[in-house]
Every structure is written in structure tokens, then in C-alpha cells.
Amino acid sequence: MKKISIVIGSLLFCTTLYAKDNVEKIGDILSIAIPLSAYGTTLYLDDTEGQMEFYKSYGATMVSTLALKYTIREKRPDTDTKDSFPSGHTSSAFSGATFIHKHYGLKYAIVPYLGAIYTGYSRVDSNRHYTRDVVAGALIGVASSWYFTSPYKNLEIQPVVGADYKGVEVAYRW
């Protein structure tokens, strides 16, 4: 467990090395923390099916993002480097948030979605991406996770409506 903590800490530290301000640093951290929490949940629940779906959805997100980045070669707003389109930070964050949404339910994904939106905002605010880069990254992350992820089979959440009541039914199979 200590090795995992060291690796996670190193990843989060390295992503913030070049950040110019706190908005960018927080966006950098969220771009890793959101998918990491999605994957960590599958480990905690011993959800091997979810782990495989996460590998597929996150892998498809990153392969698509990198393929477009190095095929389209759009210049970043702050430098002459040509890897602006689409935003990898945003696609990563939205992939994790959408995985949580599709696999475990929307109520668990609200905070990750807010974090993913903030990540996209931070990329435009720090002048690292154009708005279209962020929107494309979000669409890639959402589409990949939505395609490869199925609902968690042990947890069912559904609305219940009767003549005298309205509510939500939650069922968990052990």
C-alpha cells in the first residue's frame, strides 16, 4: 500500500510542477484524481468487471486523445507547441466522472463531474487550451466511458412511484 501511495503522490506532484497558478494546479490534480478515484472504487469493491471496463474506457479515451493531438497538430494558445487539440486533462477527468456515473450512478458522479468541469475551465483559464479543445476532450471522455461501461450489477437504484408515495428504491446484492 505504501508503494501505491508513493506513486500516486509522485503523479500528483509532477502534474503541478509547471503550473503557473493555483487554478491550473487544482485542474492538474483533478485530471488524475478523478479517474484514479473511479479505478480505486473498483479495487475497493473488488469489482473485476468494473476494472476491465475502466481499462477499456480510459484506454480508449487516452488513445483517442493522443491520436488526435498528434494528428491535428493545433498550436497551443500560450506556446508554439502543436498539441492543443483536444485537451488531455479534460478527457481524462470526464472519462473518470462518466465511468462513475454509468457504473455506479449519477448521485456518485455529481462531485466528479463538477471537478471535471473545473478541470476544463482551468485549462482555458491558464491559457493552455482553447474552449474547443476542452469541449472535444470532454466529449471524448464521456463517449468512451459511456460506450465501454455497464451499470454495476450488485447495486440497483430506481425510482418508485405509487398512488400515495414517490421515492427511490436502492437494492444491493451481497
N, C-alpha and C. Protein backbone atom coordinates (compact mmCIF):
# COMPACT_ATOMS: atom_id res chain seq x y z
N MET A 1 0.81 -1.19 0.00
CA MET A 1 0.00 0.00 0.00
C MET A 1 0.86 1.26 0.00
N LYS A 2 2.02 1.21 0.65
CA LYS A 2 2.89 2.37 0.68
C LYS A 2 3.42 2.70 -0.71
N LYS A 3 3.69 1.65 -1.52
CA LYS A 3 4.18 1.88 -2.87
C LYS A 3 3.14 2.60 -3.71
N ILE A 4 1.88 2.19 -3.57
CA ILE A 4 0.81 2.84 -4.32
C ILE A 4 0.69 4.31 -3.90
N SER A 5 0.77 4.58 -2.60
CA SER A 5 0.67 5.96 -2.12
C SER A 5 1.82 6.81 -2.65
N ILE A 6 3.01 6.24 -2.72
CA ILE A 6 4.16 6.98 -3.23
C ILE A 6 3.99 7.29 -4.71
N VAL A 7 3.50 6.31 -5.48
CA VAL A 7 3.28 6.52 -6.91
C VAL A 7 2.21 7.59 -7.14
N ILE A 8 1.11 7.50 -6.42
CA ILE A 8 0.04 8.49 -6.55
C ILE A 8 0.55 9.88 -6.17
N GLY A 9 1.24 9.97 -5.05
CA GLY A 9 1.81 11.25 -4.62
C GLY A 9 2.76 11.82 -5.65
N SER A 10 3.59 10.96 -6.23
CA SER A 10 4.54 11.41 -7.26
C SER A 10 3.81 11.93 -8.49
N LEU A 11 2.76 11.21 -8.92
CA LEU A 11 1.99 11.66 -10.09
C LEU A 11 1.36 13.03 -9.83
N LEU A 12 0.75 13.18 -8.67
CA LEU A 12 0.10 14.44 -8.36
C LEU A 12 1.11 15.58 -8.23
N PHE A 13 2.27 15.30 -7.65
CA PHE A 13 3.32 16.31 -7.53
C PHE A 13 3.85 16.70 -8.91
N CYS A 14 4.13 15.73 -9.75
CA CYS A 14 4.70 16.01 -11.07
C CYS A 14 3.75 16.80 -11.95
N THR A 15 2.44 16.57 -11.82
CA THR A 15 1.50 17.30 -12.66
C THR A 15 1.45 18.78 -12.31
N THR A 16 1.84 19.14 -11.10
CA THR A 16 1.76 20.53 -10.69
C THR A 16 3.08 21.28 -10.81
N LEU A 17 4.13 20.63 -11.27
CA LEU A 17 5.44 21.28 -11.35
C LEU A 17 5.44 22.51 -12.25
N TYR A 18 4.74 22.44 -13.35
CA TYR A 18 4.78 23.53 -14.33
C TYR A 18 3.56 24.43 -14.27
N ALA A 19 2.70 24.20 -13.31
CA ALA A 19 1.50 25.02 -13.18
C ALA A 19 1.89 26.44 -12.75
N LYS A 20 1.24 27.42 -13.38
CA LYS A 20 1.55 28.82 -13.10
C LYS A 20 0.81 29.37 -11.89
N ASP A 21 -0.37 28.83 -11.62
CA ASP A 21 -1.16 29.35 -10.50
C ASP A 21 -1.98 28.22 -9.88
N ASN A 22 -2.72 28.55 -8.84
CA ASN A 22 -3.49 27.53 -8.12
C ASN A 22 -4.63 26.96 -8.95
N VAL A 23 -5.25 27.76 -9.81
CA VAL A 23 -6.32 27.26 -10.67
C VAL A 23 -5.79 26.14 -11.55
N GLU A 24 -4.64 26.37 -12.14
CA GLU A 24 -4.04 25.35 -13.01
C GLU A 24 -3.60 24.13 -12.19
N LYS A 25 -3.04 24.35 -11.01
CA LYS A 25 -2.60 23.23 -10.16
C LYS A 25 -3.77 22.33 -9.78
N ILE A 26 -4.87 22.95 -9.38
CA ILE A 26 -6.04 22.17 -8.98
C ILE A 26 -6.58 21.39 -10.18
N GLY A 27 -6.63 22.03 -11.34
CA GLY A 27 -7.08 21.33 -12.55
C GLY A 27 -6.17 20.16 -12.89
N ASP A 28 -4.86 20.35 -12.74
CA ASP A 28 -3.90 19.27 -12.99
C ASP A 28 -4.15 18.09 -12.05
N ILE A 29 -4.35 18.39 -10.78
CA ILE A 29 -4.58 17.33 -9.79
C ILE A 29 -5.89 16.60 -10.07
N LEU A 30 -6.95 17.34 -10.38
CA LEU A 30 -8.24 16.71 -10.65
C LEU A 30 -8.20 15.81 -11.88
N SER A 31 -7.38 16.18 -12.87
CA SER A 31 -7.32 15.36 -14.09
C SER A 31 -6.79 13.96 -13.81
N ILE A 32 -6.06 13.81 -12.73
CA ILE A 32 -5.57 12.49 -12.31
C ILE A 32 -6.42 11.91 -11.19
N ALA A 33 -6.84 12.74 -10.25
CA ALA A 33 -7.57 12.27 -9.08
C ALA A 33 -8.94 11.69 -9.43
N ILE A 34 -9.62 12.25 -10.41
CA ILE A 34 -10.96 11.76 -10.75
C ILE A 34 -10.90 10.35 -11.34
N PRO A 35 -10.11 10.11 -12.40
CA PRO A 35 -10.06 8.72 -12.89
C PRO A 35 -9.43 7.76 -11.87
N LEU A 36 -8.51 8.26 -11.06
CA LEU A 36 -7.89 7.42 -10.04
C LEU A 36 -8.93 7.00 -8.99
N SER A 37 -9.83 7.90 -8.64
CA SER A 37 -10.88 7.54 -7.68
C SER A 37 -11.87 6.55 -8.30
N ALA A 38 -12.12 6.69 -9.60
CA ALA A 38 -13.00 5.73 -10.28
C ALA A 38 -12.38 4.34 -10.25
N TYR A 39 -11.11 4.27 -10.60
CA TYR A 39 -10.42 2.98 -10.59
C TYR A 39 -10.27 2.45 -9.16
N GLY A 40 -9.95 3.32 -8.24
CA GLY A 40 -9.81 2.91 -6.84
C GLY A 40 -11.10 2.32 -6.28
N THR A 41 -12.24 2.84 -6.71
CA THR A 41 -13.53 2.30 -6.28
C THR A 41 -13.69 0.86 -6.76
N THR A 42 -13.28 0.59 -7.99
CA THR A 42 -13.40 -0.79 -8.49
C THR A 42 -12.51 -1.72 -7.68
N LEU A 43 -11.34 -1.24 -7.27
CA LEU A 43 -10.45 -2.06 -6.45
C LEU A 43 -11.06 -2.29 -5.06
N TYR A 44 -11.57 -1.23 -4.46
CA TYR A 44 -12.14 -1.32 -3.12
C TYR A 44 -13.32 -2.29 -3.07
N LEU A 45 -14.16 -2.26 -4.12
CA LEU A 45 -15.34 -3.12 -4.17
C LEU A 45 -15.03 -4.51 -4.74
N ASP A 46 -13.76 -4.73 -5.08
CA ASP A 46 -13.35 -5.99 -5.71
C ASP A 46 -14.22 -6.26 -6.95
N ASP A 47 -14.42 -5.22 -7.73
CA ASP A 47 -15.27 -5.25 -8.91
C ASP A 47 -14.39 -5.50 -10.14
N THR A 48 -14.10 -6.76 -10.42
CA THR A 48 -13.19 -7.08 -11.53
C THR A 48 -13.79 -6.72 -12.88
N GLU A 49 -15.11 -6.86 -13.02
CA GLU A 49 -15.75 -6.45 -14.27
C GLU A 49 -15.60 -4.95 -14.48
N GLY A 50 -15.78 -4.18 -13.40
CA GLY A 50 -15.61 -2.73 -13.47
C GLY A 50 -14.18 -2.35 -13.80
N GLN A 51 -13.21 -3.09 -13.26
CA GLN A 51 -11.81 -2.81 -13.57
C GLN A 51 -11.54 -2.98 -15.06
N MET A 52 -12.05 -4.06 -15.64
CA MET A 52 -11.85 -4.30 -17.08
C MET A 52 -12.53 -3.21 -17.90
N GLU A 53 -13.72 -2.81 -17.49
CA GLU A 53 -14.42 -1.74 -18.20
C GLU A 53 -13.67 -0.42 -18.07
N PHE A 54 -13.10 -0.17 -16.89
CA PHE A 54 -12.32 1.05 -16.71
C PHE A 54 -11.11 1.04 -17.64
N TYR A 55 -10.40 -0.09 -17.71
CA TYR A 55 -9.23 -0.18 -18.59
C TYR A 55 -9.63 0.15 -20.03
N LYS A 56 -10.74 -0.41 -20.48
CA LYS A 56 -11.19 -0.17 -21.86
C LYS A 56 -11.59 1.28 -22.07
N SER A 57 -12.41 1.81 -21.15
CA SER A 57 -12.91 3.17 -21.35
C SER A 57 -11.81 4.21 -21.22
N TYR A 58 -10.97 4.08 -20.20
CA TYR A 58 -9.91 5.06 -20.01
C TYR A 58 -8.84 4.91 -21.10
N GLY A 59 -8.54 3.67 -21.45
CA GLY A 59 -7.58 3.42 -22.53
C GLY A 59 -8.05 4.02 -23.84
N ALA A 60 -9.33 3.79 -24.18
CA ALA A 60 -9.89 4.35 -25.42
C ALA A 60 -9.86 5.88 -25.39
N THR A 61 -10.14 6.45 -24.23
CA THR A 61 -10.10 7.90 -24.08
C THR A 61 -8.70 8.44 -24.38
N MET A 62 -7.71 7.86 -23.74
CA MET A 62 -6.35 8.38 -23.89
C MET A 62 -5.77 8.10 -25.28
N VAL A 63 -6.05 6.93 -25.85
CA VAL A 63 -5.56 6.63 -27.20
C VAL A 63 -6.19 7.59 -28.20
N SER A 64 -7.50 7.80 -28.09
CA SER A 64 -8.19 8.74 -29.00
C SER A 64 -7.65 10.15 -28.85
N THR A 65 -7.48 10.58 -27.61
CA THR A 65 -6.99 11.93 -27.34
C THR A 65 -5.59 12.12 -27.93
N LEU A 66 -4.70 11.19 -27.65
CA LEU A 66 -3.32 11.32 -28.15
C LEU A 66 -3.25 11.21 -29.66
N ALA A 67 -4.05 10.33 -30.25
CA ALA A 67 -4.07 10.19 -31.71
C ALA A 67 -4.50 11.50 -32.36
N LEU A 68 -5.54 12.14 -31.82
CA LEU A 68 -5.99 13.41 -32.37
C LEU A 68 -4.97 14.52 -32.12
N LYS A 69 -4.39 14.55 -30.93
CA LYS A 69 -3.39 15.57 -30.60
C LYS A 69 -2.25 15.59 -31.60
N TYR A 70 -1.74 14.40 -31.92
CA TYR A 70 -0.55 14.33 -32.76
C TYR A 70 -0.87 14.12 -34.23
N THR A 71 -2.16 14.12 -34.58
CA THR A 71 -2.57 14.10 -35.98
C THR A 71 -2.98 15.50 -36.42
N ILE A 72 -3.76 16.17 -35.59
CA ILE A 72 -4.28 17.51 -35.94
C ILE A 72 -3.21 18.58 -35.80
N ARG A 73 -2.38 18.48 -34.76
CA ARG A 73 -1.24 19.38 -34.55
C ARG A 73 -1.64 20.86 -34.46
N GLU A 74 -2.61 21.16 -33.62
CA GLU A 74 -3.03 22.54 -33.42
C GLU A 74 -2.15 23.22 -32.37
N LYS A 75 -1.77 24.45 -32.67
CA LYS A 75 -0.89 25.22 -31.78
C LYS A 75 -1.63 25.62 -30.50
N ARG A 76 -0.93 25.52 -29.38
CA ARG A 76 -1.49 25.94 -28.09
C ARG A 76 -1.57 27.47 -28.05
N PRO A 77 -2.49 28.01 -27.27
CA PRO A 77 -2.60 29.47 -27.19
C PRO A 77 -1.41 30.15 -26.51
N ASP A 78 -0.67 29.44 -25.65
CA ASP A 78 0.41 30.07 -24.91
C ASP A 78 1.80 29.77 -25.44
N THR A 79 1.94 28.84 -26.38
CA THR A 79 3.26 28.48 -26.91
C THR A 79 3.16 28.09 -28.37
N ASP A 80 4.28 27.72 -28.94
CA ASP A 80 4.29 27.25 -30.31
C ASP A 80 4.15 25.73 -30.42
N THR A 81 4.03 25.03 -29.28
CA THR A 81 3.87 23.57 -29.37
C THR A 81 2.54 23.24 -30.02
N LYS A 82 2.54 22.16 -30.77
CA LYS A 82 1.36 21.82 -31.57
C LYS A 82 0.68 20.56 -31.03
N ASP A 83 0.17 20.65 -29.82
CA ASP A 83 -0.56 19.53 -29.24
C ASP A 83 -1.75 20.02 -28.41
N SER A 84 -2.44 21.02 -28.94
CA SER A 84 -3.52 21.64 -28.19
C SER A 84 -4.84 20.88 -28.28
N PHE A 85 -5.16 20.35 -29.44
CA PHE A 85 -6.48 19.73 -29.66
C PHE A 85 -6.40 18.23 -29.63
N PRO A 86 -7.19 17.58 -28.81
CA PRO A 86 -8.09 18.02 -27.74
C PRO A 86 -7.36 18.07 -26.40
N SER A 87 -8.04 18.52 -25.38
CA SER A 87 -7.44 18.63 -24.05
C SER A 87 -7.37 17.25 -23.38
N GLY A 88 -6.17 16.79 -23.12
CA GLY A 88 -5.99 15.50 -22.45
C GLY A 88 -6.41 15.54 -20.99
N HIS A 89 -6.16 16.66 -20.31
CA HIS A 89 -6.58 16.79 -18.92
C HIS A 89 -8.10 16.64 -18.81
N THR A 90 -8.81 17.34 -19.72
CA THR A 90 -10.27 17.32 -19.69
C THR A 90 -10.82 15.95 -20.08
N SER A 91 -10.23 15.33 -21.09
CA SER A 91 -10.73 14.00 -21.48
C SER A 91 -10.51 12.99 -20.36
N SER A 92 -9.40 13.09 -19.66
CA SER A 92 -9.11 12.20 -18.54
C SER A 92 -10.13 12.39 -17.41
N ALA A 93 -10.38 13.63 -17.04
CA ALA A 93 -11.31 13.92 -15.94
C ALA A 93 -12.73 13.48 -16.29
N PHE A 94 -13.18 13.78 -17.50
CA PHE A 94 -14.54 13.40 -17.90
C PHE A 94 -14.68 11.90 -18.09
N SER A 95 -13.62 11.23 -18.48
CA SER A 95 -13.66 9.78 -18.60
C SER A 95 -13.91 9.15 -17.22
N GLY A 96 -13.18 9.61 -16.21
CA GLY A 96 -13.37 9.10 -14.86
C GLY A 96 -14.75 9.42 -14.30
N ALA A 97 -15.21 10.65 -14.48
CA ALA A 97 -16.52 11.05 -13.97
C ALA A 97 -17.64 10.26 -14.65
N THR A 98 -17.54 10.07 -15.95
CA THR A 98 -18.58 9.34 -16.68
C THR A 98 -18.56 7.86 -16.32
N PHE A 99 -17.36 7.32 -16.09
CA PHE A 99 -17.29 5.93 -15.64
C PHE A 99 -18.06 5.77 -14.32
N ILE A 100 -17.83 6.66 -13.38
CA ILE A 100 -18.53 6.61 -12.10
C ILE A 100 -20.04 6.73 -12.32
N HIS A 101 -20.44 7.66 -13.17
CA HIS A 101 -21.86 7.88 -13.47
C HIS A 101 -22.50 6.62 -14.04
N LYS A 102 -21.90 6.09 -15.07
CA LYS A 102 -22.52 4.94 -15.77
C LYS A 102 -22.45 3.68 -14.93
N HIS A 103 -21.36 3.47 -14.20
CA HIS A 103 -21.18 2.20 -13.49
C HIS A 103 -21.85 2.22 -12.11
N TYR A 104 -21.79 3.33 -11.39
CA TYR A 104 -22.29 3.37 -10.02
C TYR A 104 -23.50 4.27 -9.82
N GLY A 105 -23.79 5.15 -10.75
CA GLY A 105 -24.97 6.00 -10.65
C GLY A 105 -24.62 7.48 -10.61
N LEU A 106 -25.57 8.30 -11.06
CA LEU A 106 -25.36 9.74 -11.16
C LEU A 106 -25.07 10.39 -9.82
N LYS A 107 -25.73 9.94 -8.75
CA LYS A 107 -25.54 10.61 -7.46
C LYS A 107 -24.08 10.53 -7.00
N TYR A 108 -23.36 9.49 -7.41
CA TYR A 108 -21.95 9.37 -7.04
C TYR A 108 -21.05 10.18 -7.98
N ALA A 109 -21.60 10.61 -9.10
CA ALA A 109 -20.79 11.28 -10.11
C ALA A 109 -20.93 12.80 -10.12
N ILE A 110 -21.80 13.33 -9.30
CA ILE A 110 -22.01 14.79 -9.33
C ILE A 110 -20.73 15.54 -8.97
N VAL A 111 -20.09 15.18 -7.88
CA VAL A 111 -18.85 15.86 -7.49
C VAL A 111 -17.74 15.62 -8.53
N PRO A 112 -17.54 14.37 -9.02
CA PRO A 112 -16.54 14.20 -10.08
C PRO A 112 -16.84 15.01 -11.34
N TYR A 113 -18.12 15.13 -11.72
CA TYR A 113 -18.46 15.95 -12.88
C TYR A 113 -18.11 17.42 -12.63
N LEU A 114 -18.39 17.91 -11.42
CA LEU A 114 -18.02 19.30 -11.10
C LEU A 114 -16.50 19.47 -11.18
N GLY A 115 -15.75 18.48 -10.70
CA GLY A 115 -14.30 18.51 -10.80
C GLY A 115 -13.82 18.49 -12.24
N ALA A 116 -14.50 17.69 -13.08
CA ALA A 116 -14.13 17.62 -14.50
C ALA A 116 -14.41 18.95 -15.20
N ILE A 117 -15.53 19.57 -14.86
CA ILE A 117 -15.85 20.89 -15.44
C ILE A 117 -14.79 21.90 -15.00
N TYR A 118 -14.42 21.85 -13.74
CA TYR A 118 -13.37 22.75 -13.25
C TYR A 118 -12.05 22.51 -13.98
N THR A 119 -11.73 21.24 -14.23
CA THR A 119 -10.50 20.91 -14.96
C THR A 119 -10.52 21.58 -16.33
N GLY A 120 -11.63 21.46 -17.04
CA GLY A 120 -11.75 22.12 -18.34
C GLY A 120 -11.60 23.62 -18.24
N TYR A 121 -12.27 24.20 -17.25
CA TYR A 121 -12.16 25.64 -17.02
C TYR A 121 -10.70 26.04 -16.76
N SER A 122 -10.01 25.24 -15.96
CA SER A 122 -8.62 25.59 -15.61
C SER A 122 -7.71 25.57 -16.82
N ARG A 123 -7.99 24.71 -17.80
CA ARG A 123 -7.16 24.63 -19.00
C ARG A 123 -7.32 25.88 -19.86
N VAL A 124 -8.53 26.41 -19.93
CA VAL A 124 -8.77 27.64 -20.70
C VAL A 124 -8.26 28.84 -19.92
N ASP A 125 -8.53 28.87 -18.61
CA ASP A 125 -8.11 29.98 -17.76
C ASP A 125 -6.59 30.13 -17.74
N SER A 126 -5.87 29.02 -17.76
CA SER A 126 -4.40 29.08 -17.72
C SER A 126 -3.79 29.29 -19.11
N ASN A 127 -4.66 29.46 -20.10
CA ASN A 127 -4.23 29.74 -21.47
C ASN A 127 -3.47 28.56 -22.09
N ARG A 128 -3.80 27.35 -21.65
CA ARG A 128 -3.17 26.15 -22.19
C ARG A 128 -4.00 25.56 -23.34
N HIS A 129 -5.31 25.86 -23.37
CA HIS A 129 -6.19 25.33 -24.41
C HIS A 129 -7.23 26.36 -24.81
N TYR A 130 -7.77 26.16 -25.99
CA TYR A 130 -8.93 26.90 -26.46
C TYR A 130 -10.17 26.17 -25.95
N THR A 131 -11.30 26.87 -25.92
CA THR A 131 -12.55 26.26 -25.47
C THR A 131 -12.89 25.03 -26.30
N ARG A 132 -12.68 25.07 -27.60
CA ARG A 132 -13.00 23.91 -28.46
C ARG A 132 -12.15 22.69 -28.09
N ASP A 133 -10.93 22.90 -27.63
CA ASP A 133 -10.08 21.78 -27.19
C ASP A 133 -10.69 21.09 -25.97
N VAL A 134 -11.19 21.89 -25.05
CA VAL A 134 -11.78 21.39 -23.81
C VAL A 134 -13.09 20.66 -24.10
N VAL A 135 -13.92 21.24 -24.95
CA VAL A 135 -15.19 20.60 -25.31
C VAL A 135 -14.93 19.26 -26.01
N ALA A 136 -13.98 19.23 -26.93
CA ALA A 136 -13.65 17.97 -27.61
C ALA A 136 -13.12 16.94 -26.63
N GLY A 137 -12.26 17.35 -25.70
CA GLY A 137 -11.74 16.44 -24.69
C GLY A 137 -12.86 15.86 -23.83
N ALA A 138 -13.79 16.73 -23.43
CA ALA A 138 -14.92 16.26 -22.62
C ALA A 138 -15.76 15.26 -23.39
N LEU A 139 -16.04 15.54 -24.66
CA LEU A 139 -16.84 14.62 -25.48
C LEU A 139 -16.16 13.27 -25.66
N ILE A 140 -14.86 13.27 -25.85
CA ILE A 140 -14.12 12.01 -25.99
C ILE A 140 -14.20 11.20 -24.70
N GLY A 141 -13.97 11.84 -23.55
CA GLY A 141 -14.03 11.15 -22.26
C GLY A 141 -15.42 10.59 -21.97
N VAL A 142 -16.44 11.38 -22.24
CA VAL A 142 -17.82 10.93 -21.99
C VAL A 142 -18.17 9.78 -22.93
N ALA A 143 -17.88 9.93 -24.22
CA ALA A 143 -18.25 8.91 -25.20
C ALA A 143 -17.56 7.57 -24.93
N SER A 144 -16.27 7.61 -24.63
CA SER A 144 -15.54 6.37 -24.37
C SER A 144 -16.08 5.64 -23.15
N SER A 145 -16.28 6.36 -22.07
CA SER A 145 -16.78 5.71 -20.86
C SER A 145 -18.22 5.25 -21.02
N TRP A 146 -19.02 6.04 -21.72
CA TRP A 146 -20.42 5.65 -21.91
C TRP A 146 -20.50 4.38 -22.75
N TYR A 147 -19.64 4.24 -23.73
CA TYR A 147 -19.65 3.08 -24.62
C TYR A 147 -19.17 1.81 -23.91
N PHE A 148 -18.09 1.90 -23.15
CA PHE A 148 -17.46 0.70 -22.58
C PHE A 148 -17.95 0.31 -21.18
N THR A 149 -18.78 1.12 -20.55
CA THR A 149 -19.15 0.88 -19.17
C THR A 149 -20.60 0.44 -19.03
N SER A 150 -20.81 -0.55 -18.18
CA SER A 150 -22.17 -1.02 -17.89
C SER A 150 -22.45 -0.76 -16.40
N PRO A 151 -23.73 -0.72 -16.04
CA PRO A 151 -24.07 -0.48 -14.63
C PRO A 151 -23.54 -1.59 -13.72
N TYR A 152 -23.19 -1.22 -12.52
CA TYR A 152 -22.70 -2.16 -11.52
C TYR A 152 -23.84 -3.11 -11.16
N LYS A 153 -23.61 -4.40 -11.30
CA LYS A 153 -24.68 -5.38 -11.16
C LYS A 153 -25.15 -5.58 -9.73
N ASN A 154 -24.33 -5.32 -8.76
CA ASN A 154 -24.73 -5.56 -7.38
C ASN A 154 -25.51 -4.41 -6.77
N LEU A 155 -25.60 -3.29 -7.46
CA LEU A 155 -26.29 -2.13 -6.92
C LEU A 155 -27.34 -1.67 -7.92
N GLU A 156 -28.58 -1.56 -7.44
CA GLU A 156 -29.66 -1.09 -8.30
C GLU A 156 -30.33 0.10 -7.62
N ILE A 157 -30.46 1.17 -8.36
CA ILE A 157 -31.15 2.36 -7.86
C ILE A 157 -32.20 2.71 -8.89
N GLN A 158 -33.47 2.76 -8.44
CA GLN A 158 -34.53 3.07 -9.39
C GLN A 158 -35.64 3.87 -8.71
N PRO A 159 -36.32 4.72 -9.48
CA PRO A 159 -37.43 5.48 -8.90
C PRO A 159 -38.64 4.57 -8.67
N VAL A 160 -39.40 4.87 -7.63
CA VAL A 160 -40.61 4.13 -7.32
C VAL A 160 -41.73 5.15 -7.16
N VAL A 161 -42.81 4.94 -7.91
CA VAL A 161 -43.93 5.87 -7.86
C VAL A 161 -45.20 5.05 -7.63
N GLY A 162 -45.93 5.41 -6.60
CA GLY A 162 -47.21 4.78 -6.30
C GLY A 162 -48.27 5.84 -6.15
N ALA A 163 -49.50 5.41 -5.87
CA ALA A 163 -50.61 6.36 -5.72
C ALA A 163 -50.37 7.30 -4.54
N ASP A 164 -49.78 6.74 -3.45
CA ASP A 164 -49.60 7.53 -2.24
C ASP A 164 -48.16 7.94 -1.96
N TYR A 165 -47.22 7.52 -2.81
CA TYR A 165 -45.82 7.78 -2.49
C TYR A 165 -44.96 7.91 -3.75
N LYS A 166 -43.86 8.58 -3.56
CA LYS A 166 -42.83 8.70 -4.58
C LYS A 166 -41.50 8.54 -3.84
N GLY A 167 -40.58 7.81 -4.45
CA GLY A 167 -39.32 7.61 -3.77
C GLY A 167 -38.30 6.92 -4.65
N VAL A 168 -37.26 6.47 -3.99
CA VAL A 168 -36.17 5.79 -4.69
C VAL A 168 -35.94 4.47 -3.97
N GLU A 169 -35.80 3.42 -4.76
CA GLU A 169 -35.50 2.11 -4.20
C GLU A 169 -34.04 1.79 -4.46
N VAL A 170 -33.32 1.42 -3.40
CA VAL A 170 -31.92 1.05 -3.51
C VAL A 170 -31.80 -0.41 -3.07
N ALA A 171 -31.23 -1.22 -3.94
CA ALA A 171 -31.03 -2.64 -3.61
C ALA A 171 -29.58 -3.00 -3.87
N TYR A 172 -28.98 -3.70 -2.89
CA TYR A 172 -27.60 -4.16 -3.03
C TYR A 172 -27.56 -5.65 -2.78
N ARG A 173 -26.97 -6.39 -3.72
CA ARG A 173 -26.84 -7.84 -3.58
C ARG A 173 -25.47 -8.17 -3.03
N TRP A 174 -25.42 -8.95 -1.96
CA TRP A 174 -24.16 -9.34 -1.34
C TRP A 174 -23.59 -10.55 -2.01
